[in-house]
């Protein structure tokens, strides 16, 4: 029995595929007409899709501006802003954990005070108070609320005709009130700058200069042991992450008139000497930003320990 292929070959041999010219011409015309119809259908389909998209856009815009859709978008935008400011709100509502003050509030720096004498490096506005303010803001950025006392101690001494040595007695009063009204406080920092030369007060880390920190503890304080451990803790945390940024812990124990630096009022109190007169405010800000990072870590570790 012949196969399908044999049958097709027989048909081709019997009826040669040689169409007439008229047939070819008519077929070509019909094919071109059909192609034009298909192209027109595709064009109108695309046009319809584009028109539908444009119509949807017009409807959306009309909804936004005439039917309250604008309020929805604004509300969504406000929600995003609220989320971004949530951490700030939390800090504002948080009980303060840190108290910051400056007993020698006019201590300044050569670039700001236009002098090369450490004993004259003082300024009424560009002074160590700005460093305390920067620490407070840096802590806030890390989610930690603080109290920054910016009392003008030197002005009070002048008004009351008191000697410079009474600075700590004047700064003591705002501290006492803050401690009485804020039982949440866990750390107290009195910020100063040293009088040493730049070579002793400054270290370069990652290509930037940082004023070094000295932690000063009074042995005359009833909280001496607690404060000493606290200062050593701060030093060890800084030393681990920023070697040599800390100059170390220094105990003041010269009798008989050694002041307590108000460290008798609260445990976890320390006097900080950050840099010296040859440093700049921008450099000071770098160091207190590091300090805020360390404070954050310590507070987090304390919280974790309490929870366990």
Protein backbone atom coordinates (compact mmCIF):
# COMPACT_ATOMS: atom_id res chain seq x y z
CA UNK A 1 0.00 0.00 0.00
CA UNK A 2 1.55 3.41 -0.97
CA UNK A 3 2.53 5.74 1.89
CA UNK A 4 1.33 9.33 2.38
CA UNK A 5 4.57 10.62 0.90
CA UNK A 6 4.14 8.51 -2.22
CA UNK A 7 0.61 9.86 -2.70
CA UNK A 8 1.78 13.52 -2.33
CA UNK A 9 4.57 12.94 -4.84
CA UNK A 10 2.09 11.40 -7.27
CA UNK A 11 -0.29 14.41 -6.95
CA UNK A 12 2.56 16.86 -7.59
CA UNK A 13 3.63 14.96 -10.69
CA UNK A 14 0.04 14.69 -11.96
CA UNK A 15 -0.87 18.36 -11.25
CA UNK A 16 2.24 20.56 -11.60
CA UNK A 17 2.18 23.64 -9.36
CA UNK A 18 2.35 26.26 -12.06
CA UNK A 19 -0.43 28.81 -11.25
CA UNK A 20 -1.55 31.35 -13.81
CA UNK A 21 -0.36 34.95 -13.61
CA UNK A 22 -3.90 36.25 -12.99
CA UNK A 23 -4.29 33.94 -10.04
CA UNK A 24 -1.00 35.11 -8.55
CA UNK A 25 -1.94 38.79 -9.03
CA UNK A 26 -5.41 38.41 -7.50
CA UNK A 27 -4.03 36.46 -4.55
CA UNK A 28 -1.37 39.15 -3.86
CA UNK A 29 -4.05 41.88 -3.84
CA UNK A 30 -6.22 39.96 -1.39
CA UNK A 31 -3.29 39.24 0.92
CA UNK A 32 -2.30 42.95 0.98
CA UNK A 33 -5.89 43.99 1.81
CA UNK A 34 -6.05 41.45 4.63
CA UNK A 35 -2.71 42.71 6.04
CA UNK A 36 -3.95 46.33 6.00
CA UNK A 37 -7.09 45.29 7.92
CA UNK A 38 -5.00 43.49 10.54
CA UNK A 39 -2.71 46.51 10.96
CA UNK A 40 -5.72 48.84 11.35
CA UNK A 41 -7.16 46.59 14.08
CA UNK A 42 -3.83 46.59 15.95
CA UNK A 43 -3.56 50.39 15.65
CA UNK A 44 -7.06 50.98 17.05
CA UNK A 45 -6.43 48.46 19.83
CA UNK A 46 -3.25 50.32 20.86
CA UNK A 47 -5.04 53.65 20.56
CA UNK A 48 -7.86 52.33 22.72
CA UNK A 49 -5.41 51.15 25.38
CA UNK A 50 -3.63 54.53 25.40
CA UNK A 51 -6.95 56.38 25.60
CA UNK A 52 -8.07 54.18 28.49
CA UNK A 53 -4.82 54.92 30.34
CA UNK A 54 -5.20 58.66 29.78
CA UNK A 55 -8.82 58.51 30.92
CA UNK A 56 -7.81 56.70 34.12
CA UNK A 57 -5.17 59.38 34.81
CA UNK A 58 -7.76 62.15 34.34
CA UNK A 59 -10.18 60.36 36.67
CA UNK A 60 -7.43 59.87 39.29
CA UNK A 61 -6.39 63.53 39.16
CA UNK A 62 -10.03 64.62 39.39
CA UNK A 63 -10.52 62.34 42.40
CA UNK A 64 -7.43 63.74 44.08
CA UNK A 65 -8.38 67.39 43.76
CA UNK A 66 -12.19 67.32 43.74
CA UNK A 67 -13.29 64.28 45.73
CA UNK A 68 -11.01 64.20 48.76
CA UNK A 69 -8.24 62.05 47.33
CA UNK A 70 -5.83 64.89 48.03
CA UNK A 71 -6.56 64.52 51.72
CA UNK A 72 -5.73 60.83 51.56
CA UNK A 73 -2.36 61.52 49.94
CA UNK A 74 -1.61 64.29 52.42
CA UNK A 75 -2.61 62.00 55.26
CA UNK A 76 -0.30 59.29 53.92
CA UNK A 77 2.53 61.81 53.66
CA UNK A 78 1.86 62.99 57.18
CA UNK A 79 1.85 59.39 58.39
CA UNK A 80 5.31 58.87 56.93
CA UNK A 81 6.53 62.05 58.61
CA UNK A 82 5.01 60.94 61.88
CA UNK A 83 6.81 57.63 61.65
CA UNK A 84 10.09 59.40 60.96
CA UNK A 85 9.58 61.62 64.01
CA UNK A 86 8.37 58.80 66.25
CA UNK A 87 11.81 58.28 67.77
CA UNK A 88 12.09 61.98 68.56
CA UNK A 89 8.67 61.94 70.22
CA UNK A 90 9.72 58.93 72.26
CA UNK A 91 12.81 60.78 73.46
CA UNK A 92 10.79 63.85 74.36
CA UNK A 93 8.42 61.74 76.43
CA UNK A 94 11.20 59.71 77.99
CA UNK A 95 12.38 60.44 81.53
CA UNK A 96 15.88 61.98 81.45
CA UNK A 97 18.72 59.51 81.99
CA UNK A 98 21.68 61.89 81.86
CA UNK A 99 22.44 65.25 83.49
CA UNK A 100 25.02 67.52 81.83
CA UNK A 101 26.42 70.77 83.20
CA UNK A 102 29.50 73.00 83.10
CA UNK A 103 30.86 74.40 86.40
CA UNK A 104 33.41 76.50 84.49
CA UNK A 105 31.01 77.46 81.74
CA UNK A 106 33.13 80.16 80.06
CA UNK A 107 36.11 77.90 79.36
CA UNK A 108 36.85 78.30 75.66
CA UNK A 109 39.47 77.68 73.00
CA UNK A 110 42.17 79.71 71.27
CA UNK A 111 40.37 79.95 67.90
CA UNK A 112 37.25 81.30 69.60
CA UNK A 113 38.83 83.50 72.28
CA UNK A 114 41.55 85.11 70.13
CA UNK A 115 44.31 84.40 72.62
CA UNK A 116 47.23 82.02 73.04
CA UNK A 117 47.15 82.12 76.82
CA UNK A 118 45.30 79.18 78.45
CA UNK A 119 44.53 81.40 81.44
CA UNK A 120 42.69 83.84 79.19
CA UNK A 121 40.91 81.36 76.90
CA UNK A 122 37.38 82.28 77.94
CA UNK A 123 34.39 83.42 75.91
CA UNK A 124 30.87 84.51 76.84
CA UNK A 125 29.13 82.57 74.07
CA UNK A 126 31.60 80.29 72.25
CA UNK A 127 32.59 78.14 75.18
CA UNK A 128 32.38 74.70 76.78
CA UNK A 129 28.60 75.09 77.21
CA UNK A 130 28.25 74.44 73.47
CA UNK A 131 30.07 71.15 73.96
CA UNK A 132 27.58 70.16 76.65
CA UNK A 133 24.75 71.16 74.34
CA UNK A 134 26.22 69.03 71.55
CA UNK A 135 26.45 66.02 73.87
CA UNK A 136 22.80 66.46 74.85
CA UNK A 137 21.70 66.66 71.21
CA UNK A 138 23.85 63.71 70.20
CA UNK A 139 22.27 61.63 72.97
CA UNK A 140 18.83 62.68 71.79
CA UNK A 141 19.69 61.53 68.29
CA UNK A 142 20.47 58.14 69.80
CA UNK A 143 17.15 57.99 71.62
CA UNK A 144 18.37 59.12 75.05
CA UNK A 145 16.79 62.05 76.85
CA UNK A 146 19.00 64.26 78.99
CA UNK A 147 18.97 67.48 80.98
CA UNK A 148 21.51 70.03 79.83
CA UNK A 149 21.91 72.79 82.39
CA UNK A 150 23.34 75.92 80.79
CA UNK A 151 23.37 78.12 83.90
CA UNK A 152 25.88 80.94 83.54
CA UNK A 153 27.94 80.07 86.61
CA UNK A 154 30.52 82.77 86.01
CA UNK A 155 27.85 85.46 85.77
CA UNK A 156 26.39 84.38 89.13
CA UNK A 157 29.86 84.49 90.72
CA UNK A 158 30.26 88.02 89.40
CA UNK A 159 26.82 89.13 90.60
CA UNK A 160 27.41 87.74 94.08
CA UNK A 161 31.03 88.86 94.18
CA UNK A 162 32.22 85.30 94.80
CA UNK A 163 35.68 83.90 93.98
CA UNK A 164 36.25 81.49 91.12
CA UNK A 165 36.78 78.68 93.64
CA UNK A 166 33.05 78.83 94.47
CA UNK A 167 32.08 77.63 90.99
CA UNK A 168 31.15 74.14 92.16
CA UNK A 169 28.99 75.48 94.97
CA UNK A 170 27.03 77.55 92.46
CA UNK A 171 26.62 74.69 89.95
CA UNK A 172 25.62 72.44 92.86
CA UNK A 173 22.18 74.03 93.32
CA UNK A 174 20.74 73.30 89.83
CA UNK A 175 22.14 69.78 90.10
CA UNK A 176 20.45 69.17 93.45
CA UNK A 177 17.10 70.35 92.08
CA UNK A 178 17.41 68.20 88.98
CA UNK A 179 18.23 65.09 91.01
CA UNK A 180 15.33 65.74 93.37
CA UNK A 181 12.86 66.14 90.50
CA UNK A 182 14.19 63.42 88.19
CA UNK A 183 14.71 60.08 89.86
CA UNK A 184 15.36 58.55 86.44
CA UNK A 185 18.83 60.12 86.10
CA UNK A 186 21.55 57.49 85.90
CA UNK A 187 24.64 59.52 84.95
CA UNK A 188 26.00 62.98 85.74
CA UNK A 189 28.70 64.75 83.71
CA UNK A 190 30.44 68.04 84.51
CA UNK A 191 32.19 69.07 81.29
CA UNK A 192 35.46 71.04 81.22
CA UNK A 193 38.45 71.46 78.97
CA UNK A 194 42.01 70.99 80.20
CA UNK A 195 44.82 73.55 79.93
CA UNK A 196 47.38 71.16 78.40
CA UNK A 197 49.06 71.57 75.01
CA UNK A 198 47.54 70.16 71.83
CA UNK A 199 50.17 67.42 71.59
CA UNK A 200 48.81 66.00 74.86
CA UNK A 201 45.11 66.65 74.33
CA UNK A 202 44.63 65.49 70.73
CA UNK A 203 44.70 62.21 68.83
CA UNK A 204 44.18 61.48 65.14
CA UNK A 205 41.68 58.76 64.34
CA UNK A 206 40.84 57.88 60.75
CA UNK A 207 42.45 61.08 59.49
CA UNK A 208 40.53 63.39 61.86
CA UNK A 209 41.67 65.06 65.07
CA UNK A 210 39.79 64.24 68.27
CA UNK A 211 40.30 65.91 71.66
CA UNK A 212 41.13 63.27 74.25
CA UNK A 213 39.02 62.74 77.39
CA UNK A 214 40.27 62.62 80.97
CA UNK A 215 37.95 61.24 83.66
CA UNK A 216 38.38 63.07 86.99
CA UNK A 217 37.17 61.56 90.26
CA UNK A 218 37.26 63.10 93.73
CA UNK A 219 38.45 60.82 96.51
CA UNK A 220 36.81 63.16 99.03
CA UNK A 221 33.34 62.14 97.86
CA UNK A 222 31.25 59.62 99.78
CA UNK A 223 30.49 58.12 96.36
CA UNK A 224 34.17 57.73 95.53
CA UNK A 225 34.11 53.95 94.99
CA UNK A 226 30.98 54.04 92.81
CA UNK A 227 32.23 56.99 90.79
CA UNK A 228 35.66 55.40 90.32
CA UNK A 229 34.10 52.22 88.91
CA UNK A 230 31.87 54.32 86.67
CA UNK A 231 34.83 56.30 85.31
CA UNK A 232 36.82 53.11 84.74
CA UNK A 233 33.83 51.64 82.90
CA UNK A 234 33.63 54.65 80.59
CA UNK A 235 37.37 54.47 79.97
CA UNK A 236 37.28 50.74 79.15
CA UNK A 237 34.37 51.09 76.70
CA UNK A 238 36.10 53.95 74.88
CA UNK A 239 39.48 52.22 74.91
CA UNK A 240 37.99 49.13 73.29
CA UNK A 241 36.49 51.00 70.32
CA UNK A 242 38.71 54.11 70.14
CA UNK A 243 42.14 53.26 71.56
CA UNK A 244 43.93 56.15 73.29
CA UNK A 245 41.03 58.57 72.88
CA UNK A 246 40.75 58.38 76.67
CA UNK A 247 43.67 59.75 78.68
CA UNK A 248 42.52 57.59 81.57
CA UNK A 249 40.99 57.99 85.03
CA UNK A 250 42.55 60.49 87.44
CA UNK A 251 41.80 60.55 91.16
CA UNK A 252 42.09 63.88 92.98
CA UNK A 253 42.99 63.26 96.60
CA UNK A 254 45.13 66.23 97.67
CA UNK A 255 44.24 67.16 101.29
CA UNK A 256 42.93 69.07 103.07
CA UNK A 257 40.72 71.21 100.84
CA UNK A 258 40.00 68.75 98.05
CA UNK A 259 36.58 69.52 96.58
CA UNK A 260 34.13 66.76 95.78
CA UNK A 261 33.20 68.32 92.40
CA UNK A 262 29.60 67.71 93.56
CA UNK A 263 30.21 63.99 93.13
CA UNK A 264 28.96 63.44 96.68
CA UNK A 265 25.42 64.18 95.49
CA UNK A 266 25.13 61.21 93.15
CA UNK A 267 26.89 57.98 92.21
CA UNK A 268 27.94 57.59 88.57
CA UNK A 269 29.19 61.18 88.57
CA UNK A 270 32.36 62.17 86.76
CA UNK A 271 34.13 65.38 85.75
CA UNK A 272 35.22 65.28 82.10
CA UNK A 273 38.15 67.23 80.72
CA UNK A 274 37.70 67.14 76.95
CA UNK A 275 40.64 68.48 74.97
CA UNK A 276 42.44 71.72 75.71
CA UNK A 277 42.54 75.37 74.64
CA UNK A 278 44.26 74.55 71.34
CA UNK A 279 41.39 72.39 70.18
CA UNK A 280 38.39 73.69 68.22
CA UNK A 281 34.68 73.39 68.83
CA UNK A 282 34.28 71.16 65.77
CA UNK A 283 36.90 68.81 67.18
CA UNK A 284 35.18 68.84 70.55
CA UNK A 285 31.91 67.90 68.86
CA UNK A 286 33.55 64.84 67.30
CA UNK A 287 34.64 63.56 70.67
CA UNK A 288 31.30 64.09 72.43
CA UNK A 289 29.58 62.31 69.55
CA UNK A 290 31.79 59.33 70.36
CA UNK A 291 31.00 59.78 74.05
CA UNK A 292 27.27 59.69 73.32
CA UNK A 293 27.78 56.43 71.44
CA UNK A 294 29.57 54.95 74.46
CA UNK A 295 26.89 56.19 76.88
CA UNK A 296 24.24 54.57 74.68
CA UNK A 297 26.08 51.24 74.82
CA UNK A 298 26.50 51.35 78.59
CA UNK A 299 22.86 52.24 79.20
CA UNK A 300 21.78 49.43 76.87
CA UNK A 301 24.00 46.96 78.71
CA UNK A 302 22.63 48.12 82.07
CA UNK A 303 19.07 47.66 80.83
CA UNK A 304 19.87 44.18 79.58
CA UNK A 305 21.45 43.25 82.90
CA UNK A 306 18.38 44.50 84.79
CA UNK A 307 16.09 42.44 82.57
CA UNK A 308 18.07 39.32 83.41
